Structure formats: C-alpha cells, structure tokens
Amino acid sequence: MPRKKAADAPSPTLPRLPDGRVATINDIARLSGVSKKTVSRIINDSPLVRPDTREKVQALMREVGYSPDPLARGLAFRRSFLIGMVYDNPTAQYVVDMQNGALDALRGSSYELVVHPCDTRSPGYIEGVRRFVQAQKLHGVILVPRASEDQALADMLAQIGCRYVRIASLPLDSTSPTVVTHDREGATEAADYLLSLGHRDIGLITGPNVYRSSQERTAGFLEALNRRGIELPKARVIEAGYTFESGVAAAEKLLLKGARPTAIFTGNDEMAAGAYKVALRAGMTLPRELSIVGFDDSPLASRLWPPLTSVRRNTRDTGRMAAAMLIQPEGSPTTLPAASVRPHLVVRDSCQPPED
C-alpha cells in the first residue's frame, strides 16, 4: 500500500473541519475537549478560565479561523456586542475624529460601533436615546459633548443599566466614568501666548454658551487676561455657534465695525476659518495686521494659509480612551473612573507681535 505524501497527511496539532465547513462554538468545544461554557467564557474574557486552557482554545480558534459573531453573542447574552456613540455636535471633523478613535480601540475586540446623532434641545431626545440603547441592546454608550453634559441623560442610562463614559471638559460628577479634556487649560495657554507677543486689544469668538466646553474655554481665556490686568470690553466678546458660518458672522462684528483688535481667539478651528475669510475679504494681511488662534488643532488648522496656531486636544485619542474604558470587564482593576487628555498649543504662522 503506497504511503501518503507528507503534504497530504492531516496535522495532529492543527484540527481541520470536514469539507471546509465554517467552525461553530460547538466545534471549538469538541475539538479542544472543553465545554461550550468554557469556550464562551474565553470568548468573553472571563477570568474564570485557567491560562493554559485559554491559550489552547484561542490557538485552536485562530487555526480554524473561528470568529465569534457579535449578533449571535448578543442573542446568547441578551445584549449585543455593540458600543453606541451619542452626540450633538455641529463640527463634523470633531465627530469623525471621535469615531475613528473609538474604532481604534474596538478593532480586534469583536465589538462594533453604532452612532446616534441627536438634538439635545429637542424635548424628546432622551427618550429617543433610550429607544436606541434598548433596541440595539448596547453593551455601553460613549457620550460626546454636548450630550455628555446632560445629567438627565446620564441618569436615564444608569436607570436602565447601560454602561456609559462621558467626554467632558471637566469632571461633571463624582461617579461617572469620564474622559476629561481640560479645555480651560488650553484656552489659558492660548491667552498667555498672545499676551507674550504683546497683544492687548484682543477679540474673542466663543462657542454656544450652552456648551460646557465653550464656558470652560471662555473662562480660561478671560481669567488669563485678567491676571495681567486686561478686561475685554463686551463688544470684543462675540458668541457664535462652533461653525464656519457663525465664525464669519462673529468676525464681521469684530473687524468690519469700528476699531479692529490686533488678535482674535476662537473657540474652535471652524470659526477661525470664518475669521480668516472676513479678514482677507477686508484686505487685511495675516498675521501682520491680525493674529488668529483656534482650538482643536483639526486637520483644517494646517491647511489654512497661513497655517493656524491652535490648541491641540487629541480628539481621536479621546474617543479611543472612552471606548477602551467601556469594553473593560466590569470591576477590572485597569478600569479607571476618569482619564485625561491634556491640551497644548501648537504654534504655526498665524500670529506675530502687533504692529506699532
């Protein structure tokens, strides 16, 4: 009887399914010699499995190409392996960066991201979030400003037993898991930089006052000026809407009516771009006649001309940290009640000392 070629012989350590059939959890249990419950615990990162058993089963799953289906896992555990992101934010790039950061953390974890834009000014929005969470049986929710700032929303999620992480410019309470972005510190650094260049007549374009981030950035900037004995007149502080169009409208009030400031700080880069447009349309040369500082250091900042000096707070990293906090097992020693993303000023070519 002829001997089989070595290439045709099945490997004793590499189990194969007959006819190329897709492996199921039952196959993994049978081939590894453990119970289906043990395989399920390994899939869900339970600590109640011996390390050698975990390693053997995971090696088998890799070999046969077994990948747990999030929907099937959700049915088995009466919830889905889905992370929700709830946001009410007018800045598209901010939302995209936040989503990309969350996806960075979820990659390879079997969790997926689903998003839920909402209008926090709508009286029924909390009920809408409740329906979203319950219909998707979410594992947890990332709350993005301004939704993250609503205590009633956080209370509702706690009431229905849904895990959540808030992203906010400062801790909002003593119990909520939060990624803190310290916006006040970033605005303070922007003010100190403009003052170091010699600017004293400064315009401020804020975001909507209903946003806690806007309140923190405004307070940080004004407090830094006050420490140097400078108090901005009310006419130099214009509230806008975190959008390019609102930045244009606010800059027109500062630059097209009466004496112009020598510098402007804006609450985000979109509004800074609006200020650029107004200044250039008015025939001003940047930064010789007007210095501008933004906030967020979005990709837009380096694409403007001259490139925009802006406060960087790594939005992508913020999303990654929030998602990572959610997928940690409950009670895990690595789960922290709060994490921090510290802002810092990125100096480019949009500022110089004022003309004499």
Protein backbone atom coordinates (compact mmCIF):
# COMPACT_ATOMS: atom_id res chain seq x y z
CA MET A 1 0.00 0.00 0.00
CA PRO A 2 1.58 3.28 -1.03
CA ARG A 3 2.42 5.74 1.71
CA LYS A 4 0.66 9.09 1.82
CA LYS A 5 2.66 12.10 0.88
CA ALA A 6 3.56 14.16 3.89
CA ALA A 7 1.75 17.14 2.41
CA ASP A 8 -1.49 15.14 2.31
CA ALA A 9 -1.39 13.98 5.92
CA PRO A 10 -3.53 15.95 8.36
CA SER A 11 -1.52 17.64 11.11
CA PRO A 12 -2.20 16.09 14.50
CA THR A 13 -1.92 19.51 16.15
CA LEU A 14 -3.92 21.52 13.60
CA PRO A 15 -7.56 20.31 13.69
CA ARG A 16 -9.50 20.77 10.49
CA LEU A 17 -13.25 20.75 9.89
CA PRO A 18 -14.55 18.32 7.25
CA ASP A 19 -15.38 19.76 3.81
CA GLY A 20 -14.13 23.20 4.78
CA ARG A 21 -17.22 23.81 6.92
CA VAL A 22 -17.25 27.04 8.95
CA ALA A 23 -16.46 26.31 12.58
CA THR A 24 -19.06 26.87 15.29
CA ILE A 25 -18.67 27.26 19.02
CA ASN A 26 -19.74 23.61 19.37
CA ASP A 27 -16.89 22.55 17.06
CA ILE A 28 -14.38 24.54 19.11
CA ALA A 29 -15.61 22.90 22.32
CA ARG A 30 -15.47 19.39 20.81
CA LEU A 31 -12.04 19.75 19.19
CA SER A 32 -10.44 21.34 22.26
CA GLY A 33 -12.01 18.91 24.71
CA VAL A 34 -13.68 21.55 26.88
CA SER A 35 -17.28 22.54 27.49
CA LYS A 36 -19.16 25.04 25.37
CA LYS A 37 -19.50 27.19 28.50
CA THR A 38 -15.71 27.30 28.87
CA VAL A 39 -15.31 28.39 25.23
CA SER A 40 -17.93 31.08 25.81
CA ARG A 41 -16.06 32.33 28.87
CA ILE A 42 -12.83 32.53 26.87
CA ILE A 43 -14.55 34.47 24.09
CA ASN A 44 -15.86 36.96 26.65
CA ASP A 45 -12.56 37.37 28.51
CA SER A 46 -13.82 35.81 31.72
CA PRO A 47 -11.13 35.44 34.41
CA LEU A 48 -12.65 32.08 35.42
CA VAL A 49 -10.54 30.06 32.95
CA ARG A 50 -7.08 28.57 33.52
CA PRO A 51 -4.38 30.30 31.43
CA ASP A 52 -3.26 27.05 29.76
CA THR A 53 -6.84 26.21 28.76
CA ARG A 54 -7.38 29.74 27.44
CA GLU A 55 -4.19 29.57 25.38
CA LYS A 56 -5.07 26.14 23.91
CA VAL A 57 -8.59 27.16 22.90
CA GLN A 58 -7.52 30.51 21.48
CA ALA A 59 -4.82 28.78 19.41
CA LEU A 60 -7.44 26.41 18.02
CA MET A 61 -9.81 29.27 17.17
CA ARG A 62 -7.04 31.02 15.29
CA GLU A 63 -6.11 27.85 13.42
CA VAL A 64 -9.61 27.04 12.15
CA GLY A 65 -10.43 30.73 11.57
CA TYR A 66 -13.23 30.86 14.13
CA SER A 67 -14.54 34.38 14.80
CA PRO A 68 -17.48 34.91 17.19
CA ASP A 69 -20.40 36.66 15.55
CA PRO A 70 -21.37 39.79 17.54
CA LEU A 71 -25.09 39.30 16.86
CA ALA A 72 -25.01 35.64 17.90
CA ARG A 73 -23.08 36.54 21.02
CA GLY A 74 -25.60 39.24 21.78
CA LEU A 75 -28.51 36.79 21.50
CA ALA A 76 -26.77 34.35 23.82
CA PHE A 77 -26.10 37.03 26.42
CA ARG A 78 -29.32 39.00 25.84
CA ARG A 79 -27.36 42.01 24.64
CA SER A 80 -25.34 42.89 21.57
CA PHE A 81 -21.62 43.44 21.31
CA LEU A 82 -22.24 46.98 20.15
CA ILE A 83 -20.91 50.26 21.51
CA GLY A 84 -23.08 53.31 20.90
CA MET A 85 -21.88 56.87 20.35
CA VAL A 86 -24.42 59.59 21.15
CA TYR A 87 -23.56 63.10 20.03
CA ASP A 88 -24.98 66.54 19.37
CA ASN A 89 -22.10 68.49 17.87
CA PRO A 90 -22.07 70.80 14.83
CA THR A 91 -18.39 70.18 13.97
CA ALA A 92 -18.22 67.30 11.50
CA GLN A 93 -14.44 66.79 11.76
CA TYR A 94 -14.65 66.53 15.55
CA VAL A 95 -17.28 63.80 15.31
CA VAL A 96 -15.32 61.90 12.64
CA ASP A 97 -12.12 62.04 14.71
CA MET A 98 -14.01 60.84 17.78
CA GLN A 99 -15.48 57.91 15.83
CA ASN A 100 -12.09 56.94 14.41
CA GLY A 101 -10.60 56.91 17.90
CA ALA A 102 -13.37 54.65 19.19
CA LEU A 103 -12.84 52.31 16.23
CA ASP A 104 -9.12 52.17 17.05
CA ALA A 105 -9.98 50.80 20.50
CA LEU A 106 -12.61 48.35 19.24
CA ARG A 107 -10.54 46.89 16.42
CA GLY A 108 -9.96 43.19 17.08
CA SER A 109 -12.26 43.12 20.11
CA SER A 110 -15.45 41.72 18.44
CA TYR A 111 -17.25 44.95 19.40
CA GLU A 112 -18.66 47.26 16.74
CA LEU A 113 -19.60 50.95 16.84
CA VAL A 114 -23.05 52.38 16.08
CA VAL A 115 -23.77 56.11 16.15
CA HIS A 116 -26.81 58.12 17.20
CA PRO A 117 -26.87 61.84 16.34
CA CYS A 118 -29.42 63.75 18.36
CA ASP A 119 -30.67 67.23 19.12
CA THR A 120 -30.30 67.87 22.84
CA ARG A 121 -32.65 70.84 22.52
CA SER A 122 -35.49 68.57 21.44
CA PRO A 123 -37.80 67.71 24.36
CA GLY A 124 -37.99 64.04 23.36
CA TYR A 125 -34.33 63.35 22.72
CA ILE A 126 -33.66 61.41 25.94
CA GLU A 127 -36.50 59.03 25.14
CA GLY A 128 -35.02 58.65 21.66
CA VAL A 129 -31.66 57.67 23.17
CA ARG A 130 -33.43 55.19 25.46
CA ARG A 131 -35.11 53.52 22.46
CA PHE A 132 -31.79 53.40 20.61
CA VAL A 133 -29.99 51.75 23.54
CA GLN A 134 -32.74 49.21 24.21
CA ALA A 135 -33.39 48.33 20.56
CA GLN A 136 -29.69 47.66 19.96
CA LYS A 137 -29.16 46.08 23.41
CA LEU A 138 -25.99 48.12 23.65
CA HIS A 139 -23.06 47.00 25.77
CA GLY A 140 -22.37 50.65 26.55
CA VAL A 141 -22.50 54.22 25.26
CA ILE A 142 -19.93 56.94 24.62
CA LEU A 143 -21.48 60.34 25.36
CA VAL A 144 -19.94 63.15 23.31
CA PRO A 145 -20.42 66.87 24.14
CA ARG A 146 -22.99 68.35 24.33
CA ALA A 147 -24.98 65.19 25.11
CA SER A 148 -22.36 64.19 27.67
CA GLU A 149 -23.10 67.32 29.70
CA ASP A 150 -26.76 66.42 30.31
CA GLN A 151 -27.13 64.85 33.76
CA ALA A 152 -30.68 63.73 32.96
CA LEU A 153 -29.34 61.62 30.08
CA ALA A 154 -26.67 60.05 32.29
CA ASP A 155 -29.29 59.32 34.96
CA MET A 156 -31.53 57.60 32.39
CA LEU A 157 -28.69 55.34 31.22
CA ALA A 158 -27.87 54.42 34.81
CA GLN A 159 -31.54 53.68 35.47
CA ILE A 160 -31.80 51.19 32.58
CA GLY A 161 -28.45 49.59 33.45
CA CYS A 162 -26.48 50.77 30.42
CA ARG A 163 -22.78 51.46 30.94
CA TYR A 164 -21.57 54.82 29.68
CA VAL A 165 -18.49 57.03 29.52
CA ARG A 166 -18.79 60.80 29.35
CA ILE A 167 -16.38 63.02 27.42
CA ALA A 168 -16.26 66.44 29.02
CA SER A 169 -14.05 69.45 29.57
CA LEU A 170 -14.06 68.82 33.34
CA PRO A 171 -15.41 66.17 35.73
CA LEU A 172 -19.20 66.56 35.85
CA ASP A 173 -19.86 64.45 38.94
CA SER A 174 -18.02 62.13 41.30
CA THR A 175 -19.29 58.81 39.93
CA SER A 176 -19.50 58.89 36.12
CA PRO A 177 -16.60 57.37 34.16
CA THR A 178 -15.25 60.35 32.23
CA VAL A 179 -12.53 61.31 29.79
CA VAL A 180 -11.63 64.86 30.83
CA THR A 181 -10.25 67.17 28.13
CA HIS A 182 -9.26 70.17 30.35
CA ASP A 183 -10.39 72.81 27.85
CA ARG A 184 -9.83 75.64 30.32
CA GLU A 185 -6.09 74.88 30.42
CA GLY A 186 -5.84 75.02 26.64
CA ALA A 187 -7.57 78.39 26.44
CA THR A 188 -5.31 79.74 29.19
CA GLU A 189 -2.25 78.74 27.17
CA ALA A 190 -3.66 80.49 24.09
CA ALA A 191 -4.19 83.72 26.06
CA ASP A 192 -0.71 83.58 27.58
CA TYR A 193 0.79 83.14 24.12
CA LEU A 194 -1.00 86.17 22.63
CA LEU A 195 -0.03 88.25 25.65
CA SER A 196 3.60 87.16 25.30
CA LEU A 197 3.56 88.53 21.75
CA GLY A 198 2.40 91.89 23.05
CA HIS A 199 -1.29 91.78 22.10
CA ARG A 200 -3.60 93.71 24.40
CA ASP A 201 -6.59 94.52 22.18
CA ILE A 202 -7.96 91.03 21.61
CA GLY A 203 -11.24 89.74 20.22
CA LEU A 204 -12.85 86.54 21.49
CA ILE A 205 -15.25 84.41 19.43
CA THR A 206 -16.84 81.83 21.73
CA GLY A 207 -18.87 78.72 21.05
CA PRO A 208 -22.51 78.48 22.18
CA ASN A 209 -22.79 79.30 25.86
CA VAL A 210 -24.98 76.22 26.42
CA TYR A 211 -21.89 74.06 25.80
CA ARG A 212 -19.78 73.44 28.89
CA SER A 213 -16.72 73.30 26.63
CA SER A 214 -17.46 76.83 25.48
CA GLN A 215 -17.90 78.03 29.05
CA GLU A 216 -14.58 76.49 30.07
CA ARG A 217 -12.63 77.88 27.10
CA THR A 218 -14.10 81.34 27.59
CA ALA A 219 -13.39 81.33 31.32
CA GLY A 220 -9.83 80.09 30.87
CA PHE A 221 -9.06 82.76 28.29
CA LEU A 222 -10.60 85.66 30.20
CA GLU A 223 -9.05 84.63 33.52
CA ALA A 224 -5.59 84.58 31.94
CA LEU A 225 -6.15 88.12 30.63
CA ASN A 226 -7.50 89.30 33.97
CA ARG A 227 -4.38 88.06 35.74
CA ARG A 228 -2.46 90.52 33.56
CA GLY A 229 -4.90 93.32 34.32
CA ILE A 230 -6.71 93.14 30.97
CA GLU A 231 -10.51 93.06 30.83
CA LEU A 232 -12.13 92.65 27.43
CA PRO A 233 -14.99 95.04 26.62
CA LYS A 234 -18.31 93.28 25.91
CA ALA A 235 -18.06 94.35 22.28
CA ARG A 236 -14.89 92.27 21.96
CA VAL A 237 -16.61 89.01 23.06
CA ILE A 238 -18.93 87.52 20.44
CA GLU A 239 -20.88 84.29 20.92
CA ALA A 240 -21.04 82.06 17.84
CA GLY A 241 -22.06 78.50 17.03
CA TYR A 242 -18.89 76.40 16.52
CA THR A 243 -19.49 76.56 12.74
CA PHE A 244 -17.67 78.26 9.86
CA GLU A 245 -20.71 80.40 9.03
CA SER A 246 -21.11 81.59 12.63
CA GLY A 247 -17.39 82.41 12.69
CA VAL A 248 -17.86 84.62 9.63
CA ALA A 249 -20.77 86.47 11.24
CA ALA A 250 -18.88 86.98 14.52
CA ALA A 251 -15.69 88.15 12.80
CA GLU A 252 -17.67 90.71 10.79
CA LYS A 253 -18.75 92.30 14.07
CA LEU A 254 -15.13 92.47 15.25
CA LEU A 255 -13.41 93.50 12.02
CA LEU A 256 -15.90 95.49 9.94
CA LYS A 257 -17.32 97.82 12.59
CA GLY A 258 -15.09 100.37 14.28
CA ALA A 259 -11.56 99.84 15.56
CA ARG A 260 -10.18 96.37 14.92
CA PRO A 261 -8.48 94.15 17.52
CA THR A 262 -4.92 93.06 16.79
CA ALA A 263 -5.68 89.41 17.59
CA ILE A 264 -8.63 87.02 17.79
CA PHE A 265 -9.01 83.80 19.73
CA THR A 266 -11.77 81.49 18.50
CA GLY A 267 -13.39 78.58 20.33
CA ASN A 268 -12.65 76.16 17.51
CA ASP A 269 -10.87 75.96 14.14
CA GLU A 270 -14.05 76.16 12.06
CA MET A 271 -14.78 79.61 13.48
CA ALA A 272 -11.13 80.60 13.00
CA ALA A 273 -11.50 79.77 9.30
CA GLY A 274 -14.53 82.06 9.23
CA ALA A 275 -12.41 84.85 10.74
CA TYR A 276 -9.75 84.24 8.06
CA LYS A 277 -12.37 84.76 5.36
CA VAL A 278 -13.60 88.05 6.79
CA ALA A 279 -10.07 89.39 7.35
CA LEU A 280 -8.93 88.54 3.83
CA ARG A 281 -12.11 89.94 2.31
CA ALA A 282 -11.44 93.18 4.21
CA GLY A 283 -7.96 93.35 2.66
CA MET A 284 -6.10 92.55 5.86
CA THR A 285 -2.74 90.74 5.79
CA LEU A 286 -2.40 87.80 8.16
CA PRO A 287 -0.65 87.78 10.56
CA ARG A 288 0.86 91.24 10.07
CA GLU A 289 -2.43 93.06 10.69
CA LEU A 290 -4.29 90.36 12.61
CA SER A 291 -3.18 87.31 14.61
CA ILE A 292 -5.63 84.41 14.97
CA VAL A 293 -5.58 81.40 17.32
CA GLY A 294 -8.01 78.47 17.06
CA PHE A 295 -8.91 75.48 19.20
CA ASP A 296 -8.93 71.70 18.46
CA ASP A 297 -5.99 71.64 16.02
CA SER A 298 -8.13 69.83 13.47
CA PRO A 299 -6.68 68.95 10.03
CA LEU A 300 -8.12 72.28 8.86
CA ALA A 301 -5.60 74.19 11.00
CA SER A 302 -2.57 73.11 8.98
CA ARG A 303 -4.40 73.53 5.64
CA LEU A 304 -5.26 77.21 6.10
CA TRP A 305 -2.85 79.86 4.87
CA PRO A 306 -1.06 80.99 6.86
CA PRO A 307 -1.23 77.75 8.89
CA LEU A 308 -3.30 78.30 12.03
CA THR A 309 -1.90 78.33 15.54
CA SER A 310 -4.33 76.18 17.52
CA VAL A 311 -4.83 74.41 20.83
CA ARG A 312 -4.47 70.68 20.27
CA ARG A 313 -6.55 68.26 22.29
CA ASN A 314 -6.23 64.89 20.64
CA THR A 315 -9.85 64.13 19.75
CA ARG A 316 -9.03 60.75 18.22
CA ASP A 317 -7.20 59.70 21.35
CA THR A 318 -10.15 60.90 23.43
CA GLY A 319 -12.51 58.59 21.52
CA ARG A 320 -10.06 55.71 21.85
CA MET A 321 -9.79 56.12 25.61
CA ALA A 322 -13.57 56.32 26.05
CA ALA A 323 -14.18 53.14 24.05
CA ALA A 324 -11.37 51.30 25.85
CA MET A 325 -12.94 52.16 29.20
CA LEU A 326 -16.27 50.71 28.06
CA ILE A 327 -15.00 47.35 26.89
CA GLN A 328 -13.00 46.64 30.04
CA PRO A 329 -14.74 43.94 32.13
CA GLU A 330 -16.80 45.45 34.95
CA GLY A 331 -14.76 45.57 38.13
CA SER A 332 -11.50 45.24 36.22
CA PRO A 333 -8.56 46.74 38.15
CA THR A 334 -7.49 48.52 34.95
CA THR A 335 -10.80 50.38 34.72
CA LEU A 336 -10.39 53.94 35.99
CA PRO A 337 -13.24 56.34 36.89
CA ALA A 338 -11.58 59.09 34.86
CA ALA A 339 -8.89 59.60 32.24
CA SER A 340 -7.32 62.81 30.98
CA VAL A 341 -6.35 64.29 27.64
CA ARG A 342 -4.18 67.34 28.22
CA PRO A 343 -4.32 70.14 25.61
CA HIS A 344 -1.32 72.09 24.39
CA LEU A 345 -0.77 74.94 21.96
CA VAL A 346 0.63 74.17 18.51
CA VAL A 347 2.33 77.34 17.23
CA ARG A 348 2.25 77.94 13.48
CA ASP A 349 2.36 81.07 11.30
CA SER A 350 -0.93 82.81 12.08
CA CYS A 351 0.42 85.01 14.89
CA GLN A 352 3.07 87.68 15.33
CA PRO A 353 3.54 90.75 17.55
CA PRO A 354 1.14 93.62 16.79
CA GLU A 355 2.29 96.45 14.57
CA ASP A 356 3.36 99.58 16.41
